[in-house]
Amino acid sequence: MPFKLVISDPEEGKAIQYELDDVKTNALVGRRVGEIVEGDVLGLPGYKLRITGGSDKSGFPIRPDVHGSGKKRVLIRGAPGFRPKKKGNAKRKTVRGSELSLDISQVNMRIEEKGSTSLEELVMQSA
């Protein structure tokens, strides 16, 4: 199942969403939240992207502080996965580990370094 990639540009305040093909999806499998990925692997030459999160095919969020790639029930006090109504509340929730696997459906990324070509043009070419 190919990943849906959401790339945010903090300078412009925009996010672009598109679907990766299987070859590019396999290049992300095994990476962890927080890693910087070269854009060449994803068809975005000159760009450097940081993996910031995502969710799996069941809708469970990826938590950067949970090891592995499987689902786990953990006691959490804040986002991602739980937004407490009062300060100090905690809840046991099911979340996905920080390692990307083929069960992931959406990967969120942030641009760390821009390339010479605009992101919109590159996404249109690869689609």
C-alpha atoms as a PDB file:
ATOM      1  CA  MET A   1       0.000   0.000   0.000  1.00  0.00           C
ATOM      2  CA  PRO A   2       1.605   3.305  -1.051  1.00  0.00           C
ATOM      3  CA  PHE A   3       2.140   6.098   1.471  1.00  0.00           C
ATOM      4  CA  LYS A   4       0.233   9.339   1.308  1.00  0.00           C
ATOM      5  CA  LEU A   5       2.873  12.018   1.802  1.00  0.00           C
ATOM      6  CA  VAL A   6       2.042  15.388   3.401  1.00  0.00           C
ATOM      7  CA  ILE A   7       4.902  17.879   3.051  1.00  0.00           C
ATOM      8  CA  SER A   8       4.623  21.150   4.961  1.00  0.00           C
ATOM      9  CA  ASP A   9       6.580  24.289   4.147  1.00  0.00           C
ATOM     10  CA  PRO A  10       6.988  26.365   7.330  1.00  0.00           C
ATOM     11  CA  GLU A  11       8.158  29.448   5.387  1.00  0.00           C
ATOM     12  CA  GLU A  12       5.029  29.647   3.213  1.00  0.00           C
ATOM     13  CA  GLY A  13       2.619  28.079   5.689  1.00  0.00           C
ATOM     14  CA  LYS A  14       1.400  25.574   3.082  1.00  0.00           C
ATOM     15  CA  ALA A  15       1.170  21.807   2.920  1.00  0.00           C
ATOM     16  CA  ILE A  16       1.202  19.654  -0.212  1.00  0.00           C
ATOM     17  CA  GLN A  17      -0.250  16.167  -0.279  1.00  0.00           C
ATOM     18  CA  TYR A  18       0.412  13.428  -2.817  1.00  0.00           C
ATOM     19  CA  GLU A  19       0.705   9.666  -3.063  1.00  0.00           C
ATOM     20  CA  LEU A  20       4.025   7.867  -3.457  1.00  0.00           C
ATOM     21  CA  ASP A  21       4.572   4.900  -5.738  1.00  0.00           C
ATOM     22  CA  ASP A  22       5.778   1.562  -4.333  1.00  0.00           C
ATOM     23  CA  VAL A  23       9.492   2.143  -5.048  1.00  0.00           C
ATOM     24  CA  LYS A  24       9.528   5.458  -3.168  1.00  0.00           C
ATOM     25  CA  THR A  25       7.404   3.960  -0.379  1.00  0.00           C
ATOM     26  CA  ASN A  26       9.982   1.192   0.147  1.00  0.00           C
ATOM     27  CA  ALA A  27      12.714   3.854   0.465  1.00  0.00           C
ATOM     28  CA  LEU A  28      10.943   5.217   3.575  1.00  0.00           C
ATOM     29  CA  VAL A  29      10.248   1.873   5.265  1.00  0.00           C
ATOM     30  CA  GLY A  30      12.517   1.441   8.282  1.00  0.00           C
ATOM     31  CA  ARG A  31      13.059   5.172   8.799  1.00  0.00           C
ATOM     32  CA  ARG A  32      12.136   6.775  12.136  1.00  0.00           C
ATOM     33  CA  VAL A  33      10.275   9.919  13.130  1.00  0.00           C
ATOM     34  CA  GLY A  34      12.792  12.770  13.388  1.00  0.00           C
ATOM     35  CA  GLU A  35      15.128  11.467  10.660  1.00  0.00           C
ATOM     36  CA  ILE A  36      16.101  13.717   7.782  1.00  0.00           C
ATOM     37  CA  VAL A  37      15.482  12.173   4.346  1.00  0.00           C
ATOM     38  CA  GLU A  38      17.155  13.271   1.123  1.00  0.00           C
ATOM     39  CA  GLY A  39      14.537  14.445  -1.370  1.00  0.00           C
ATOM     40  CA  ASP A  40      16.240  12.571  -4.228  1.00  0.00           C
ATOM     41  CA  VAL A  41      14.824   9.303  -2.828  1.00  0.00           C
ATOM     42  CA  LEU A  42      11.283  10.727  -3.106  1.00  0.00           C
ATOM     43  CA  GLY A  43      11.701  12.398  -6.494  1.00  0.00           C
ATOM     44  CA  LEU A  44      12.343  15.851  -4.980  1.00  0.00           C
ATOM     45  CA  PRO A  45      15.975  16.646  -5.907  1.00  0.00           C
ATOM     46  CA  GLY A  46      17.719  19.250  -3.775  1.00  0.00           C
ATOM     47  CA  TYR A  47      15.246  19.002  -0.891  1.00  0.00           C
ATOM     48  CA  LYS A  48      15.879  17.706   2.620  1.00  0.00           C
ATOM     49  CA  LEU A  49      12.792  16.619   4.561  1.00  0.00           C
ATOM     50  CA  ARG A  50      12.315  15.729   8.230  1.00  0.00           C
ATOM     51  CA  ILE A  51       9.790  13.019   9.143  1.00  0.00           C
ATOM     52  CA  THR A  52       7.493  14.584  11.756  1.00  0.00           C
ATOM     53  CA  GLY A  53       4.778  11.945  12.191  1.00  0.00           C
ATOM     54  CA  GLY A  54       1.856  10.259  10.495  1.00  0.00           C
ATOM     55  CA  SER A  55      -0.774   7.606  11.013  1.00  0.00           C
ATOM     56  CA  ASP A  56      -1.378   3.976  10.105  1.00  0.00           C
ATOM     57  CA  LYS A  57      -4.127   2.467   7.958  1.00  0.00           C
ATOM     58  CA  SER A  58      -6.393   2.112  11.024  1.00  0.00           C
ATOM     59  CA  GLY A  59      -5.962   5.781  11.952  1.00  0.00           C
ATOM     60  CA  PHE A  60      -3.664   5.307  14.946  1.00  0.00           C
ATOM     61  CA  PRO A  61      -1.064   8.096  15.236  1.00  0.00           C
ATOM     62  CA  ILE A  62       2.691   7.581  15.179  1.00  0.00           C
ATOM     63  CA  ARG A  63       4.339   8.575  18.456  1.00  0.00           C
ATOM     64  CA  PRO A  64       8.022   9.492  18.330  1.00  0.00           C
ATOM     65  CA  ASP A  65       8.668   8.231  21.890  1.00  0.00           C
ATOM     66  CA  VAL A  66       7.350   4.676  21.261  1.00  0.00           C
ATOM     67  CA  HIS A  67       9.980   2.280  19.898  1.00  0.00           C
ATOM     68  CA  GLY A  68       9.409  -0.183  17.071  1.00  0.00           C
ATOM     69  CA  SER A  69       6.834  -0.202  14.321  1.00  0.00           C
ATOM     70  CA  GLY A  70       3.911  -2.051  15.932  1.00  0.00           C
ATOM     71  CA  LYS A  71       0.803  -0.911  17.758  1.00  0.00           C
ATOM     72  CA  LYS A  72       1.164  -0.500  21.501  1.00  0.00           C
ATOM     73  CA  ARG A  73      -1.103   0.601  24.331  1.00  0.00           C
ATOM     74  CA  VAL A  74       0.757   3.251  26.282  1.00  0.00           C
ATOM     75  CA  LEU A  75      -0.090   5.729  29.019  1.00  0.00           C
ATOM     76  CA  ILE A  76       0.177   9.175  27.447  1.00  0.00           C
ATOM     77  CA  ARG A  77      -0.282  12.684  28.776  1.00  0.00           C
ATOM     78  CA  GLY A  78      -0.370  14.748  25.582  1.00  0.00           C
ATOM     79  CA  ALA A  79      -0.267  14.925  21.817  1.00  0.00           C
ATOM     80  CA  PRO A  80       0.038  13.101  19.502  1.00  0.00           C
ATOM     81  CA  GLY A  81      -2.791  10.706  20.222  1.00  0.00           C
ATOM     82  CA  PHE A  82      -4.394  12.408  23.233  1.00  0.00           C
ATOM     83  CA  ARG A  83      -5.391  15.971  24.060  1.00  0.00           C
ATOM     84  CA  PRO A  84      -6.223  16.217  27.767  1.00  0.00           C
ATOM     85  CA  LYS A  85      -9.102  18.466  28.873  1.00  0.00           C
ATOM     86  CA  LYS A  86      -7.356  19.263  32.179  1.00  0.00           C
ATOM     87  CA  LYS A  87      -3.686  19.624  33.008  1.00  0.00           C
ATOM     88  CA  GLY A  88      -2.198  16.425  34.423  1.00  0.00           C
ATOM     89  CA  ASN A  89      -4.694  13.979  32.876  1.00  0.00           C
ATOM     90  CA  ALA A  90      -3.295  10.784  31.384  1.00  0.00           C
ATOM     91  CA  LYS A  91      -4.951   8.027  29.409  1.00  0.00           C
ATOM     92  CA  ARG A  92      -3.967   4.617  28.065  1.00  0.00           C
ATOM     93  CA  LYS A  93      -4.287   4.757  24.274  1.00  0.00           C
ATOM     94  CA  THR A  94      -3.251   2.634  21.307  1.00  0.00           C
ATOM     95  CA  VAL A  95      -0.553   4.276  19.192  1.00  0.00           C
ATOM     96  CA  ARG A  96       1.918   3.192  16.521  1.00  0.00           C
ATOM     97  CA  GLY A  97       5.696   3.075  17.109  1.00  0.00           C
ATOM     98  CA  SER A  98       8.067   5.617  15.588  1.00  0.00           C
ATOM     99  CA  GLU A  99       9.520   3.328  12.903  1.00  0.00           C
ATOM    100  CA  LEU A 100       7.810   3.474   9.496  1.00  0.00           C
ATOM    101  CA  SER A 101       6.471   0.158   8.195  1.00  0.00           C
ATOM    102  CA  LEU A 102       4.167  -0.947   5.375  1.00  0.00           C
ATOM    103  CA  ASP A 103       1.166  -0.551   7.733  1.00  0.00           C
ATOM    104  CA  ILE A 104       1.539   3.233   7.617  1.00  0.00           C
ATOM    105  CA  SER A 105      -0.875   5.114   5.367  1.00  0.00           C
ATOM    106  CA  GLN A 106       0.188   8.750   5.880  1.00  0.00           C
ATOM    107  CA  VAL A 107       3.611  10.251   6.537  1.00  0.00           C
ATOM    108  CA  ASN A 108       3.984  13.880   7.577  1.00  0.00           C
ATOM    109  CA  MET A 109       7.190  15.695   6.620  1.00  0.00           C
ATOM    110  CA  ARG A 110       8.597  19.207   6.985  1.00  0.00           C
ATOM    111  CA  ILE A 111      10.988  20.910   4.575  1.00  0.00           C
ATOM    112  CA  GLU A 112      14.386  21.482   6.194  1.00  0.00           C
ATOM    113  CA  GLU A 113      16.280  22.592   3.080  1.00  0.00           C
ATOM    114  CA  LYS A 114      14.739  23.769  -0.206  1.00  0.00           C
ATOM    115  CA  GLY A 115      15.848  22.790  -3.681  1.00  0.00           C
ATOM    116  CA  SER A 116      16.122  24.994  -6.765  1.00  0.00           C
ATOM    117  CA  THR A 117      12.755  23.908  -8.264  1.00  0.00           C
ATOM    118  CA  SER A 118       9.470  24.701  -6.521  1.00  0.00           C
ATOM    119  CA  LEU A 119       7.771  21.854  -4.691  1.00  0.00           C
ATOM    120  CA  GLU A 120       4.495  22.242  -6.642  1.00  0.00           C
ATOM    121  CA  GLU A 121       6.288  21.715  -9.979  1.00  0.00           C
ATOM    122  CA  LEU A 122       8.089  18.598  -8.744  1.00  0.00           C
ATOM    123  CA  VAL A 123       4.897  17.084  -7.341  1.00  0.00           C
ATOM    124  CA  MET A 124       3.047  17.696 -10.619  1.00  0.00           C
ATOM    125  CA  GLN A 125       5.873  16.020 -12.587  1.00  0.00           C
ATOM    126  CA  SER A 126       5.912  12.919 -10.386  1.00  0.00           C
ATOM    127  CA  ALA A 127       2.115  12.519 -10.337  1.00  0.00           C
END
